[in-house]
Amino acid sequence: MAYTNGYRAYLQKEDVSRVQLRVPKEIVDAIDNFGIPKGFRSRNAAIIYLIERGLADAKKAPEHGLGNRSDASKAE
């Protein structure tokens, strides 16, 4: 569990929605390898940061659908 490996506990104080994902362990490990050294409060905080950053980058990128991505076959 990430908490025992370096994330610090915190209390959630904002309105949130719960989303469940199934991701390969390699991705979870990559998130922890990114988030713990950067000092994120939790794995969740690191994931939210990465999603927000990805969304901001996507707004800057030219329009394209998921079907144009090389990894589209991996999407469920």
N, C-alpha and C. Protein backbone atom coordinates (compact mmCIF):
# COMPACT_ATOMS: atom_id res chain seq x y z
N MET A 1 0.85 -1.18 0.00
CA MET A 1 0.00 0.00 0.00
C MET A 1 0.88 1.24 0.00
N ALA A 2 0.48 2.23 -0.74
CA ALA A 2 1.30 3.43 -0.91
C ALA A 2 1.53 4.17 0.39
N TYR A 3 0.55 4.18 1.28
CA TYR A 3 0.71 4.94 2.52
C TYR A 3 1.93 4.46 3.30
N THR A 4 2.14 3.16 3.34
CA THR A 4 3.28 2.63 4.09
C THR A 4 4.59 2.90 3.36
N ASN A 5 4.51 3.27 2.08
CA ASN A 5 5.72 3.53 1.31
C ASN A 5 6.06 5.00 1.20
N GLY A 6 5.29 5.89 1.82
CA GLY A 6 5.69 7.28 1.77
C GLY A 6 4.61 8.32 1.68
N TYR A 7 3.40 7.97 1.30
CA TYR A 7 2.35 8.97 1.26
C TYR A 7 1.89 9.29 2.68
N ARG A 8 1.50 10.55 2.90
CA ARG A 8 1.00 10.97 4.20
C ARG A 8 -0.52 11.02 4.17
N ALA A 9 -1.15 10.66 5.26
CA ALA A 9 -2.61 10.69 5.34
C ALA A 9 -3.11 12.13 5.40
N TYR A 10 -4.31 12.37 4.92
CA TYR A 10 -4.92 13.69 4.98
C TYR A 10 -6.43 13.52 4.96
N LEU A 11 -7.15 14.57 5.30
CA LEU A 11 -8.61 14.56 5.28
C LEU A 11 -9.11 15.26 4.03
N GLN A 12 -10.10 14.67 3.37
CA GLN A 12 -10.71 15.27 2.19
C GLN A 12 -11.73 16.31 2.64
N LYS A 13 -11.62 17.55 2.18
CA LYS A 13 -12.51 18.62 2.62
C LYS A 13 -13.36 19.20 1.51
N GLU A 14 -13.29 18.65 0.31
CA GLU A 14 -14.08 19.19 -0.78
C GLU A 14 -15.07 18.15 -1.29
N ASP A 15 -16.07 18.59 -2.05
CA ASP A 15 -17.06 17.70 -2.62
C ASP A 15 -16.37 16.84 -3.68
N VAL A 16 -16.50 15.55 -3.57
CA VAL A 16 -15.81 14.65 -4.50
C VAL A 16 -16.77 13.58 -5.01
N SER A 17 -16.42 13.00 -6.15
CA SER A 17 -17.10 11.84 -6.69
C SER A 17 -16.11 10.69 -6.68
N ARG A 18 -16.60 9.52 -6.42
CA ARG A 18 -15.73 8.33 -6.38
C ARG A 18 -15.72 7.68 -7.76
N VAL A 19 -14.52 7.34 -8.22
CA VAL A 19 -14.35 6.66 -9.50
C VAL A 19 -13.45 5.46 -9.26
N GLN A 20 -13.89 4.31 -9.71
CA GLN A 20 -13.07 3.12 -9.56
C GLN A 20 -12.42 2.79 -10.90
N LEU A 21 -11.14 2.49 -10.87
CA LEU A 21 -10.40 2.14 -12.08
C LEU A 21 -9.66 0.82 -11.87
N ARG A 22 -9.46 0.13 -12.94
CA ARG A 22 -8.58 -1.04 -12.93
C ARG A 22 -7.43 -0.70 -13.84
N VAL A 23 -6.24 -0.66 -13.28
CA VAL A 23 -5.05 -0.32 -14.06
C VAL A 23 -3.96 -1.34 -13.79
N PRO A 24 -3.08 -1.54 -14.74
CA PRO A 24 -1.96 -2.46 -14.52
C PRO A 24 -1.09 -2.00 -13.35
N LYS A 25 -0.53 -2.96 -12.64
CA LYS A 25 0.33 -2.66 -11.49
C LYS A 25 1.49 -1.75 -11.88
N GLU A 26 1.98 -1.88 -13.11
CA GLU A 26 3.09 -1.04 -13.56
C GLU A 26 2.70 0.44 -13.54
N ILE A 27 1.45 0.74 -13.86
CA ILE A 27 1.00 2.13 -13.84
C ILE A 27 0.91 2.63 -12.40
N VAL A 28 0.39 1.80 -11.50
CA VAL A 28 0.32 2.18 -10.09
C VAL A 28 1.72 2.43 -9.55
N ASP A 29 2.66 1.56 -9.90
CA ASP A 29 4.05 1.74 -9.46
C ASP A 29 4.63 3.03 -10.02
N ALA A 30 4.32 3.34 -11.29
CA ALA A 30 4.82 4.58 -11.90
C ALA A 30 4.23 5.80 -11.20
N ILE A 31 2.96 5.73 -10.83
CA ILE A 31 2.33 6.84 -10.10
C ILE A 31 3.02 7.03 -8.75
N ASP A 32 3.27 5.94 -8.04
CA ASP A 32 3.96 6.04 -6.75
C ASP A 32 5.38 6.56 -6.92
N ASN A 33 6.07 6.09 -7.95
CA ASN A 33 7.44 6.56 -8.20
C ASN A 33 7.47 8.04 -8.56
N PHE A 34 6.38 8.56 -9.09
CA PHE A 34 6.26 9.98 -9.38
C PHE A 34 5.81 10.74 -8.12
N GLY A 35 4.75 10.27 -7.49
CA GLY A 35 4.10 11.02 -6.42
C GLY A 35 4.83 11.09 -5.10
N ILE A 36 5.43 10.00 -4.68
CA ILE A 36 6.08 9.99 -3.37
C ILE A 36 7.27 10.95 -3.33
N PRO A 37 8.19 10.88 -4.29
CA PRO A 37 9.32 11.83 -4.24
C PRO A 37 8.90 13.29 -4.40
N LYS A 38 7.80 13.53 -5.11
CA LYS A 38 7.33 14.91 -5.32
C LYS A 38 6.59 15.44 -4.09
N GLY A 39 6.32 14.59 -3.10
CA GLY A 39 5.69 15.03 -1.87
C GLY A 39 4.17 15.14 -1.90
N PHE A 40 3.51 14.44 -2.82
CA PHE A 40 2.06 14.45 -2.83
C PHE A 40 1.53 13.81 -1.55
N ARG A 41 0.36 14.27 -1.11
CA ARG A 41 -0.23 13.78 0.15
C ARG A 41 -0.66 12.33 0.05
N SER A 42 -1.03 11.90 -1.15
CA SER A 42 -1.56 10.56 -1.33
C SER A 42 -1.42 10.14 -2.79
N ARG A 43 -1.66 8.87 -3.04
CA ARG A 43 -1.69 8.39 -4.42
C ARG A 43 -2.82 9.10 -5.16
N ASN A 44 -3.96 9.28 -4.49
CA ASN A 44 -5.08 9.97 -5.10
C ASN A 44 -4.70 11.38 -5.54
N ALA A 45 -3.98 12.11 -4.70
CA ALA A 45 -3.56 13.47 -5.05
C ALA A 45 -2.64 13.45 -6.27
N ALA A 46 -1.75 12.47 -6.35
CA ALA A 46 -0.85 12.36 -7.50
C ALA A 46 -1.64 12.05 -8.76
N ILE A 47 -2.64 11.16 -8.66
CA ILE A 47 -3.45 10.81 -9.82
C ILE A 47 -4.25 12.02 -10.29
N ILE A 48 -4.85 12.77 -9.35
CA ILE A 48 -5.61 13.96 -9.73
C ILE A 48 -4.70 14.96 -10.43
N TYR A 49 -3.51 15.18 -9.92
CA TYR A 49 -2.55 16.09 -10.56
C TYR A 49 -2.25 15.64 -11.99
N LEU A 50 -1.96 14.35 -12.16
CA LEU A 50 -1.61 13.84 -13.48
C LEU A 50 -2.79 13.93 -14.45
N ILE A 51 -4.01 13.67 -13.97
CA ILE A 51 -5.19 13.80 -14.82
C ILE A 51 -5.40 15.25 -15.23
N GLU A 52 -5.31 16.17 -14.25
CA GLU A 52 -5.49 17.59 -14.57
C GLU A 52 -4.45 18.07 -15.56
N ARG A 53 -3.20 17.63 -15.38
CA ARG A 53 -2.14 18.01 -16.30
C ARG A 53 -2.39 17.46 -17.70
N GLY A 54 -2.83 16.20 -17.75
CA GLY A 54 -3.15 15.59 -19.04
C GLY A 54 -4.31 16.28 -19.73
N LEU A 55 -5.33 16.67 -18.96
CA LEU A 55 -6.46 17.39 -19.54
C LEU A 55 -6.04 18.75 -20.06
N ALA A 56 -5.18 19.44 -19.32
CA ALA A 56 -4.69 20.75 -19.77
C ALA A 56 -3.90 20.60 -21.07
N ASP A 57 -3.06 19.56 -21.14
CA ASP A 57 -2.29 19.32 -22.36
C ASP A 57 -3.21 18.95 -23.52
N ALA A 58 -4.27 18.19 -23.23
CA ALA A 58 -5.20 17.78 -24.28
C ALA A 58 -5.93 18.99 -24.87
N LYS A 59 -6.21 19.99 -24.05
CA LYS A 59 -6.87 21.20 -24.55
C LYS A 59 -5.98 21.95 -25.53
N LYS A 60 -4.66 21.86 -25.33
CA LYS A 60 -3.71 22.54 -26.20
C LYS A 60 -3.46 21.77 -27.50
N ALA A 61 -3.68 20.46 -27.47
CA ALA A 61 -3.37 19.61 -28.62
C ALA A 61 -4.44 19.75 -29.69
N PRO A 62 -4.08 19.45 -30.94
CA PRO A 62 -5.07 19.47 -32.02
C PRO A 62 -6.19 18.46 -31.73
N GLU A 63 -7.38 18.76 -32.23
CA GLU A 63 -8.52 17.87 -32.03
C GLU A 63 -8.25 16.52 -32.69
N HIS A 64 -8.52 15.48 -31.96
CA HIS A 64 -8.48 14.13 -32.52
C HIS A 64 -9.28 13.21 -31.61
N GLY A 65 -9.88 12.21 -32.22
CA GLY A 65 -10.67 11.25 -31.46
C GLY A 65 -9.80 10.13 -30.93
N LEU A 66 -10.34 9.36 -30.02
CA LEU A 66 -9.61 8.23 -29.44
C LEU A 66 -9.17 7.26 -30.53
N GLY A 67 -9.99 7.13 -31.57
CA GLY A 67 -9.67 6.20 -32.65
C GLY A 67 -8.39 6.55 -33.38
N ASN A 68 -7.91 7.78 -33.26
CA ASN A 68 -6.67 8.18 -33.93
C ASN A 68 -5.43 7.90 -33.10
N ARG A 69 -5.61 7.50 -31.86
CA ARG A 69 -4.45 7.24 -30.99
C ARG A 69 -3.91 5.85 -31.26
N SER A 70 -2.61 5.69 -31.13
CA SER A 70 -1.99 4.40 -31.39
C SER A 70 -2.37 3.35 -30.35
N ASP A 71 -2.79 3.79 -29.14
CA ASP A 71 -3.16 2.84 -28.10
C ASP A 71 -4.67 2.70 -27.95
N ALA A 72 -5.43 3.09 -28.99
CA ALA A 72 -6.89 3.06 -28.92
C ALA A 72 -7.42 1.64 -28.69
N SER A 73 -6.71 0.63 -29.17
CA SER A 73 -7.18 -0.73 -29.00
C SER A 73 -7.15 -1.18 -27.54
N LYS A 74 -6.42 -0.45 -26.69
CA LYS A 74 -6.34 -0.80 -25.28
C LYS A 74 -7.51 -0.23 -24.48
N ALA A 75 -8.23 0.73 -25.05
CA ALA A 75 -9.35 1.37 -24.33
C ALA A 75 -10.51 0.40 -24.21
N GLU A 76 -11.23 0.48 -23.09
CA GLU A 76 -12.38 -0.38 -22.89
C GLU A 76 -13.63 0.33 -23.25
